[in-house]
Amino acid sequence: AVYSCAAKYTGRVGTSLPVTAAGYDYWGQGTQVTV
């Protein structure tokens, strides 16, 4: 797949950890992984 990282602002002591893409604010371009 193409793997992308994402960031969500939560503050320094935030415990929020969304598991859906809509929960994230910033995205990278992605890197291809082929197995």
PDB file of all heavy atoms in Angstrom:
ATOM      1  N   ALA A   1       0.851  -1.193   0.000  1.00  0.00           N
ATOM      2  CA  ALA A   1       0.000   0.000   0.000  1.00  0.00           C
ATOM      3  C   ALA A   1       0.884   1.238   0.000  1.00  0.00           C
ATOM      4  O   ALA A   1       2.102   1.143   0.186  1.00  0.00           O
ATOM      5  CB  ALA A   1      -0.906   0.020   1.233  1.00  0.00           C
ATOM      6  N   VAL A   2       0.253   2.379  -0.185  1.00  0.00           N
ATOM      7  CA  VAL A   2       0.915   3.661   0.074  1.00  0.00           C
ATOM      8  C   VAL A   2       0.639   4.009   1.533  1.00  0.00           C
ATOM      9  O   VAL A   2      -0.527   4.079   1.950  1.00  0.00           O
ATOM     10  CB  VAL A   2       0.396   4.766  -0.854  1.00  0.00           C
ATOM     11  CG1 VAL A   2       1.007   6.110  -0.467  1.00  0.00           C
ATOM     12  CG2 VAL A   2       0.709   4.437  -2.306  1.00  0.00           C
ATOM     13  N   TYR A   3       1.705   4.218   2.272  1.00  0.00           N
ATOM     14  CA  TYR A   3       1.594   4.521   3.696  1.00  0.00           C
ATOM     15  C   TYR A   3       1.796   6.026   3.902  1.00  0.00           C
ATOM     16  O   TYR A   3       2.794   6.590   3.429  1.00  0.00           O
ATOM     17  CB  TYR A   3       2.635   3.743   4.485  1.00  0.00           C
ATOM     18  CG  TYR A   3       2.300   2.286   4.637  1.00  0.00           C
ATOM     19  CD1 TYR A   3       2.356   1.418   3.549  1.00  0.00           C
ATOM     20  CD2 TYR A   3       1.901   1.763   5.865  1.00  0.00           C
ATOM     21  CE1 TYR A   3       2.021   0.079   3.676  1.00  0.00           C
ATOM     22  CE2 TYR A   3       1.572   0.422   6.006  1.00  0.00           C
ATOM     23  CZ  TYR A   3       1.631  -0.412   4.908  1.00  0.00           C
ATOM     24  OH  TYR A   3       1.300  -1.743   5.040  1.00  0.00           O
ATOM     25  N   SER A   4       0.874   6.623   4.653  1.00  0.00           N
ATOM     26  CA  SER A   4       0.939   8.054   4.927  1.00  0.00           C
ATOM     27  C   SER A   4       0.886   8.292   6.419  1.00  0.00           C
ATOM     28  O   SER A   4       0.174   7.584   7.138  1.00  0.00           O
ATOM     29  CB  SER A   4      -0.230   8.783   4.264  1.00  0.00           C
ATOM     30  OG  SER A   4      -0.219   8.630   2.868  1.00  0.00           O
ATOM     31  N   CYS A   5       1.628   9.291   6.865  1.00  0.00           N
ATOM     32  CA  CYS A   5       1.510   9.649   8.268  1.00  0.00           C
ATOM     33  C   CYS A   5       0.613  10.875   8.395  1.00  0.00           C
ATOM     34  O   CYS A   5       0.434  11.644   7.448  1.00  0.00           O
ATOM     35  CB  CYS A   5       2.864   9.889   8.913  1.00  0.00           C
ATOM     36  SG  CYS A   5       3.737  11.342   8.370  1.00  0.00           S
ATOM     37  N   ALA A   6       0.045  11.035   9.582  1.00  0.00           N
ATOM     38  CA  ALA A   6      -0.904  12.106   9.843  1.00  0.00           C
ATOM     39  C   ALA A   6      -0.709  12.625  11.256  1.00  0.00           C
ATOM     40  O   ALA A   6      -0.257  11.889  12.138  1.00  0.00           O
ATOM     41  CB  ALA A   6      -2.332  11.599   9.661  1.00  0.00           C
ATOM     42  N   ALA A   7      -1.076  13.885  11.458  1.00  0.00           N
ATOM     43  CA  ALA A   7      -0.926  14.529  12.757  1.00  0.00           C
ATOM     44  C   ALA A   7      -2.229  15.188  13.182  1.00  0.00           C
ATOM     45  O   ALA A   7      -2.937  15.774  12.358  1.00  0.00           O
ATOM     46  CB  ALA A   7       0.189  15.582  12.697  1.00  0.00           C
ATOM     47  N   LYS A   8      -2.503  15.069  14.472  1.00  0.00           N
ATOM     48  CA  LYS A   8      -3.690  15.715  15.041  1.00  0.00           C
ATOM     49  C   LYS A   8      -3.272  16.491  16.275  1.00  0.00           C
ATOM     50  O   LYS A   8      -2.619  15.944  17.175  1.00  0.00           O
ATOM     51  CB  LYS A   8      -4.742  14.683  15.452  1.00  0.00           C
ATOM     52  CG  LYS A   8      -5.905  15.298  16.232  1.00  0.00           C
ATOM     53  CD  LYS A   8      -6.901  14.276  16.701  1.00  0.00           C
ATOM     54  CE  LYS A   8      -7.930  14.903  17.633  1.00  0.00           C
ATOM     55  NZ  LYS A   8      -8.679  15.987  16.969  1.00  0.00           N
ATOM     56  N   TYR A   9      -3.650  17.785  16.331  1.00  0.00           N
ATOM     57  CA  TYR A   9      -3.325  18.581  17.506  1.00  0.00           C
ATOM     58  C   TYR A   9      -4.171  18.117  18.689  1.00  0.00           C
ATOM     59  O   TYR A   9      -5.402  18.069  18.611  1.00  0.00           O
ATOM     60  CB  TYR A   9      -3.601  20.058  17.244  1.00  0.00           C
ATOM     61  CG  TYR A   9      -3.339  20.903  18.464  1.00  0.00           C
ATOM     62  CD1 TYR A   9      -2.049  21.318  18.764  1.00  0.00           C
ATOM     63  CD2 TYR A   9      -4.371  21.244  19.343  1.00  0.00           C
ATOM     64  CE1 TYR A   9      -1.798  22.061  19.902  1.00  0.00           C
ATOM     65  CE2 TYR A   9      -4.122  21.981  20.478  1.00  0.00           C
ATOM     66  CZ  TYR A   9      -2.835  22.395  20.754  1.00  0.00           C
ATOM     67  OH  TYR A   9      -2.590  23.108  21.893  1.00  0.00           O
ATOM     68  N   THR A  10      -3.488  17.776  19.800  1.00  0.00           N
ATOM     69  CA  THR A  10      -4.203  17.356  21.000  1.00  0.00           C
ATOM     70  C   THR A  10      -3.690  18.050  22.255  1.00  0.00           C
ATOM     71  O   THR A  10      -4.249  17.867  23.332  1.00  0.00           O
ATOM     72  CB  THR A  10      -4.079  15.842  21.220  1.00  0.00           C
ATOM     73  OG1 THR A  10      -2.700  15.515  21.448  1.00  0.00           O
ATOM     74  CG2 THR A  10      -4.597  15.055  20.032  1.00  0.00           C
ATOM     75  N   GLY A  11      -2.611  18.795  22.124  1.00  0.00           N
ATOM     76  CA  GLY A  11      -1.988  19.357  23.311  1.00  0.00           C
ATOM     77  C   GLY A  11      -0.972  18.389  23.904  1.00  0.00           C
ATOM     78  O   GLY A  11      -0.939  17.208  23.551  1.00  0.00           O
ATOM     79  N   ARG A  12      -0.160  18.866  24.839  1.00  0.00           N
ATOM     80  CA  ARG A  12       0.935  18.050  25.366  1.00  0.00           C
ATOM     81  C   ARG A  12       0.461  16.867  26.193  1.00  0.00           C
ATOM     82  O   ARG A  12       1.169  15.863  26.287  1.00  0.00           O
ATOM     83  CB  ARG A  12       1.880  18.916  26.194  1.00  0.00           C
ATOM     84  CG  ARG A  12       2.706  19.862  25.368  1.00  0.00           C
ATOM     85  CD  ARG A  12       3.830  20.461  26.182  1.00  0.00           C
ATOM     86  NE  ARG A  12       4.609  21.405  25.408  1.00  0.00           N
ATOM     87  CZ  ARG A  12       5.581  21.052  24.586  1.00  0.00           C
ATOM     88  NH1 ARG A  12       5.883  19.780  24.428  1.00  0.00           N
ATOM     89  NH2 ARG A  12       6.245  21.972  23.915  1.00  0.00           N
ATOM     90  N   VAL A  13      -0.699  16.963  26.809  1.00  0.00           N
ATOM     91  CA  VAL A  13      -1.167  15.868  27.660  1.00  0.00           C
ATOM     92  C   VAL A  13      -2.421  15.223  27.086  1.00  0.00           C
ATOM     93  O   VAL A  13      -3.135  14.517  27.779  1.00  0.00           O
ATOM     94  CB  VAL A  13      -1.444  16.353  29.093  1.00  0.00           C
ATOM     95  CG1 VAL A  13      -0.148  16.769  29.758  1.00  0.00           C
ATOM     96  CG2 VAL A  13      -2.452  17.490  29.101  1.00  0.00           C
ATOM     97  N   GLY A  14      -2.666  15.462  25.805  1.00  0.00           N
ATOM     98  CA  GLY A  14      -3.848  14.892  25.176  1.00  0.00           C
ATOM     99  C   GLY A  14      -3.759  13.388  25.028  1.00  0.00           C
ATOM    100  O   GLY A  14      -2.693  12.836  24.785  1.00  0.00           O
ATOM    101  N   THR A  15      -4.891  12.721  25.185  1.00  0.00           N
ATOM    102  CA  THR A  15      -4.954  11.271  25.019  1.00  0.00           C
ATOM    103  C   THR A  15      -5.776  10.883  23.800  1.00  0.00           C
ATOM    104  O   THR A  15      -5.888   9.702  23.476  1.00  0.00           O
ATOM    105  CB  THR A  15      -5.565  10.602  26.255  1.00  0.00           C
ATOM    106  OG1 THR A  15      -6.875  11.149  26.468  1.00  0.00           O
ATOM    107  CG2 THR A  15      -4.705  10.831  27.484  1.00  0.00           C
ATOM    108  N   SER A  16      -6.327  11.886  23.099  1.00  0.00           N
ATOM    109  CA  SER A  16      -7.128  11.597  21.918  1.00  0.00           C
ATOM    110  C   SER A  16      -6.284  10.914  20.869  1.00  0.00           C
ATOM    111  O   SER A  16      -5.149  11.326  20.598  1.00  0.00           O
ATOM    112  CB  SER A  16      -7.711  12.899  21.360  1.00  0.00           C
ATOM    113  OG  SER A  16      -8.405  12.664  20.151  1.00  0.00           O
ATOM    114  N   LEU A  17      -6.847   9.871  20.265  1.00  0.00           N
ATOM    115  CA  LEU A  17      -6.133   9.125  19.245  1.00  0.00           C
ATOM    116  C   LEU A  17      -7.159   8.560  18.263  1.00  0.00           C
ATOM    117  O   LEU A  17      -7.564   7.394  18.356  1.00  0.00           O
ATOM    118  CB  LEU A  17      -5.324   7.996  19.889  1.00  0.00           C
ATOM    119  CG  LEU A  17      -4.284   7.294  19.026  1.00  0.00           C
ATOM    120  CD1 LEU A  17      -3.335   8.298  18.391  1.00  0.00           C
ATOM    121  CD2 LEU A  17      -3.507   6.299  19.866  1.00  0.00           C
ATOM    122  N   PRO A  18      -7.581   9.390  17.321  1.00  0.00           N
ATOM    123  CA  PRO A  18      -8.600   8.939  16.364  1.00  0.00           C
ATOM    124  C   PRO A  18      -8.099   7.790  15.499  1.00  0.00           C
ATOM    125  O   PRO A  18      -6.901   7.666  15.244  1.00  0.00           O
ATOM    126  CB  PRO A  18      -8.864  10.186  15.512  1.00  0.00           C
ATOM    127  CG  PRO A  18      -8.353  11.320  16.313  1.00  0.00           C
ATOM    128  CD  PRO A  18      -7.199  10.778  17.100  1.00  0.00           C
ATOM    129  N   VAL A  19      -9.020   6.970  15.060  1.00  0.00           N
ATOM    130  CA  VAL A  19      -8.677   5.865  14.161  1.00  0.00           C
ATOM    131  C   VAL A  19      -9.297   6.067  12.781  1.00  0.00           C
ATOM    132  O   VAL A  19      -9.297   5.147  11.955  1.00  0.00           O
ATOM    133  CB  VAL A  19      -9.093   4.512  14.753  1.00  0.00           C
ATOM    134  CG1 VAL A  19      -8.314   4.233  16.035  1.00  0.00           C
ATOM    135  CG2 VAL A  19     -10.598   4.461  15.010  1.00  0.00           C
ATOM    136  N   THR A  20      -9.826   7.259  12.548  1.00  0.00           N
ATOM    137  CA  THR A  20     -10.345   7.585  11.224  1.00  0.00           C
ATOM    138  C   THR A  20      -9.584   8.765  10.654  1.00  0.00           C
ATOM    139  O   THR A  20      -9.110   9.633  11.393  1.00  0.00           O
ATOM    140  CB  THR A  20     -11.841   7.930  11.266  1.00  0.00           C
ATOM    141  OG1 THR A  20     -12.033   9.079  12.091  1.00  0.00           O
ATOM    142  CG2 THR A  20     -12.665   6.774  11.811  1.00  0.00           C
ATOM    143  N   ALA A  21      -9.476   8.789   9.336  1.00  0.00           N
ATOM    144  CA  ALA A  21      -8.720   9.841   8.673  1.00  0.00           C
ATOM    145  C   ALA A  21      -9.279  11.226   8.959  1.00  0.00           C
ATOM    146  O   ALA A  21      -8.528  12.202   9.054  1.00  0.00           O
ATOM    147  CB  ALA A  21      -8.693   9.579   7.166  1.00  0.00           C
ATOM    148  N   ALA A  22     -10.591  11.319   9.125  1.00  0.00           N
ATOM    149  CA  ALA A  22     -11.223  12.613   9.359  1.00  0.00           C
ATOM    150  C   ALA A  22     -10.758  13.262  10.649  1.00  0.00           C
ATOM    151  O   ALA A  22     -10.916  14.469  10.846  1.00  0.00           O
ATOM    152  CB  ALA A  22     -12.738  12.455   9.370  1.00  0.00           C
ATOM    153  N   GLY A  23     -10.172  12.478  11.543  1.00  0.00           N
ATOM    154  CA  GLY A  23      -9.744  13.010  12.823  1.00  0.00           C
ATOM    155  C   GLY A  23      -8.398  13.717  12.803  1.00  0.00           C
ATOM    156  O   GLY A  23      -7.987  14.262  13.817  1.00  0.00           O
ATOM    157  N   TYR A  24      -7.740  13.734  11.662  1.00  0.00           N
ATOM    158  CA  TYR A  24      -6.386  14.267  11.573  1.00  0.00           C
ATOM    159  C   TYR A  24      -6.318  15.555  10.768  1.00  0.00           C
ATOM    160  O   TYR A  24      -7.084  15.752   9.828  1.00  0.00           O
ATOM    161  CB  TYR A  24      -5.444  13.198  11.016  1.00  0.00           C
ATOM    162  CG  TYR A  24      -5.231  12.116  12.042  1.00  0.00           C
ATOM    163  CD1 TYR A  24      -6.145  11.075  12.167  1.00  0.00           C
ATOM    164  CD2 TYR A  24      -4.168  12.172  12.928  1.00  0.00           C
ATOM    165  CE1 TYR A  24      -5.989  10.108  13.157  1.00  0.00           C
ATOM    166  CE2 TYR A  24      -3.999  11.209  13.910  1.00  0.00           C
ATOM    167  CZ  TYR A  24      -4.920  10.182  14.023  1.00  0.00           C
ATOM    168  OH  TYR A  24      -4.776   9.241  15.007  1.00  0.00           O
ATOM    169  N   ASP A  25      -5.380  16.417  11.177  1.00  0.00           N
ATOM    170  CA  ASP A  25      -5.301  17.756  10.619  1.00  0.00           C
ATOM    171  C   ASP A  25      -4.288  17.891   9.491  1.00  0.00           C
ATOM    172  O   ASP A  25      -4.468  18.714   8.593  1.00  0.00           O
ATOM    173  CB  ASP A  25      -4.928  18.748  11.731  1.00  0.00           C
ATOM    174  CG  ASP A  25      -5.858  18.648  12.934  1.00  0.00           C
ATOM    175  OD1 ASP A  25      -7.090  18.670  12.724  1.00  0.00           O
ATOM    176  OD2 ASP A  25      -5.362  18.550  14.076  1.00  0.00           O
ATOM    177  N   TYR A  26      -3.208  17.136   9.579  1.00  0.00           N
ATOM    178  CA  TYR A  26      -2.114  17.288   8.620  1.00  0.00           C
ATOM    179  C   TYR A  26      -1.699  15.918   8.094  1.00  0.00           C
ATOM    180  O   TYR A  26      -1.722  14.921   8.826  1.00  0.00           O
ATOM    181  CB  TYR A  26      -0.904  17.971   9.270  1.00  0.00           C
ATOM    182  CG  TYR A  26      -1.227  19.314   9.853  1.00  0.00           C
ATOM    183  CD1 TYR A  26      -1.445  19.459  11.223  1.00  0.00           C
ATOM    184  CD2 TYR A  26      -1.345  20.440   9.042  1.00  0.00           C
ATOM    185  CE1 TYR A  26      -1.754  20.702  11.762  1.00  0.00           C
ATOM    186  CE2 TYR A  26      -1.659  21.675   9.570  1.00  0.00           C
ATOM    187  CZ  TYR A  26      -1.865  21.793  10.930  1.00  0.00           C
ATOM    188  OH  TYR A  26      -2.180  23.025  11.455  1.00  0.00           O
ATOM    189  N   TRP A  27      -1.277  15.925   6.826  1.00  0.00           N
ATOM    190  CA  TRP A  27      -0.924  14.677   6.152  1.00  0.00           C
ATOM    191  C   TRP A  27       0.370  14.817   5.371  1.00  0.00           C
ATOM    192  O   TRP A  27       0.665  15.882   4.818  1.00  0.00           O
ATOM    193  CB  TRP A  27      -2.035  14.275   5.177  1.00  0.00           C
ATOM    194  CG  TRP A  27      -3.284  13.864   5.879  1.00  0.00           C
ATOM    195  CD1 TRP A  27      -4.278  14.677   6.343  1.00  0.00           C
ATOM    196  CD2 TRP A  27      -3.665  12.533   6.210  1.00  0.00           C
ATOM    197  NE1 TRP A  27      -5.259  13.930   6.951  1.00  0.00           N
ATOM    198  CE2 TRP A  27      -4.905  12.610   6.880  1.00  0.00           C
ATOM    199  CE3 TRP A  27      -3.096  11.277   6.011  1.00  0.00           C
ATOM    200  CZ2 TRP A  27      -5.572  11.477   7.347  1.00  0.00           C
ATOM    201  CZ3 TRP A  27      -3.756  10.156   6.474  1.00  0.00           C
ATOM    202  CH2 TRP A  27      -4.978  10.257   7.134  1.00  0.00           C
ATOM    203  N   GLY A  28       1.109  13.713   5.291  1.00  0.00           N
ATOM    204  CA  GLY A  28       2.242  13.638   4.406  1.00  0.00           C
ATOM    205  C   GLY A  28       1.814  13.141   3.039  1.00  0.00           C
ATOM    206  O   GLY A  28       0.647  12.787   2.827  1.00  0.00           O
ATOM    207  N   GLN A  29       2.774  13.074   2.128  1.00  0.00           N
ATOM    208  CA  GLN A  29       2.492  12.665   0.750  1.00  0.00           C
ATOM    209  C   GLN A  29       2.416  11.157   0.577  1.00  0.00           C
ATOM    210  O   GLN A  29       1.800  10.675  -0.374  1.00  0.00           O
ATOM    211  CB  GLN A  29       3.551  13.224  -0.200  1.00  0.00           C
ATOM    212  CG  GLN A  29       3.490  14.732  -0.342  1.00  0.00           C
ATOM    213  CD  GLN A  29       2.189  15.200  -0.951  1.00  0.00           C
ATOM    214  OE1 GLN A  29       1.760  14.694  -1.976  1.00  0.00           O
ATOM    215  NE2 GLN A  29       1.540  16.166  -0.312  1.00  0.00           N
ATOM    216  N   GLY A  30       3.039  10.437   1.479  1.00  0.00           N
ATOM    217  CA  GLY A  30       2.975   8.980   1.404  1.00  0.00           C
ATOM    218  C   GLY A  30       4.243   8.360   0.858  1.00  0.00           C
ATOM    219  O   GLY A  30       5.018   8.993   0.140  1.00  0.00           O
ATOM    220  N   THR A  31       4.450   7.098   1.206  1.00  0.00           N
ATOM    221  CA  THR A  31       5.571   6.313   0.693  1.00  0.00           C
ATOM    222  C   THR A  31       5.064   4.921   0.345  1.00  0.00           C
ATOM    223  O   THR A  31       4.272   4.336   1.075  1.00  0.00           O
ATOM    224  CB  THR A  31       6.713   6.257   1.734  1.00  0.00           C
ATOM    225  OG1 THR A  31       7.842   5.588   1.171  1.00  0.00           O
ATOM    226  CG2 THR A  31       6.298   5.550   3.016  1.00  0.00           C
ATOM    227  N   GLN A  32       5.530   4.410  -0.788  1.00  0.00           N
ATOM    228  CA  GLN A  32       5.041   3.127  -1.288  1.00  0.00           C
ATOM    229  C   GLN A  32       5.759   1.982  -0.596  1.00  0.00           C
ATOM    230  O   GLN A  32       6.987   1.953  -0.514  1.00  0.00           O
ATOM    231  CB  GLN A  32       5.255   3.028  -2.794  1.00  0.00           C
ATOM    232  CG  GLN A  32       4.867   1.692  -3.404  1.00  0.00           C
ATOM    233  CD  GLN A  32       3.370   1.464  -3.425  1.00  0.00           C
ATOM    234  OE1 GLN A  32       2.606   2.354  -3.794  1.00  0.00           O
ATOM    235  NE2 GLN A  32       2.935   0.269  -3.016  1.00  0.00           N
ATOM    236  N   VAL A  33       4.971   1.022  -0.147  1.00  0.00           N
ATOM    237  CA  VAL A  33       5.497  -0.238   0.390  1.00  0.00           C
ATOM    238  C   VAL A  33       4.936  -1.369  -0.467  1.00  0.00           C
ATOM    239  O   VAL A  33       3.715  -1.470  -0.635  1.00  0.00           O
ATOM    240  CB  VAL A  33       5.085  -0.437   1.862  1.00  0.00           C
ATOM    241  CG1 VAL A  33       5.458  -1.846   2.332  1.00  0.00           C
ATOM    242  CG2 VAL A  33       5.751   0.611   2.749  1.00  0.00           C
ATOM    243  N   THR A  34       5.836  -2.180  -1.002  1.00  0.00           N
ATOM    244  CA  THR A  34       5.431  -3.313  -1.824  1.00  0.00           C
ATOM    245  C   THR A  34       6.044  -4.573  -1.247  1.00  0.00           C
ATOM    246  O   THR A  34       7.262  -4.633  -1.052  1.00  0.00           O
ATOM    247  CB  THR A  34       5.878  -3.132  -3.275  1.00  0.00           C
ATOM    248  OG1 THR A  34       5.331  -1.919  -3.802  1.00  0.00           O
ATOM    249  CG2 THR A  34       5.399  -4.294  -4.135  1.00  0.00           C
ATOM    250  N   VAL A  35       5.203  -5.552  -0.953  1.00  0.00           N
ATOM    251  CA  VAL A  35       5.658  -6.809  -0.386  1.00  0.00           C
ATOM    252  C   VAL A  35       5.397  -7.914  -1.396  1.00  0.00           C
ATOM    253  O   VAL A  35       4.243  -8.152  -1.785  1.00  0.00           O
ATOM    254  CB  VAL A  35       4.946  -7.113   0.941  1.00  0.00           C
ATOM    255  CG1 VAL A  35       5.505  -8.401   1.552  1.00  0.00           C
ATOM    256  CG2 VAL A  35       5.092  -5.956   1.917  1.00  0.00           C
TER     257      VAL A  35
END
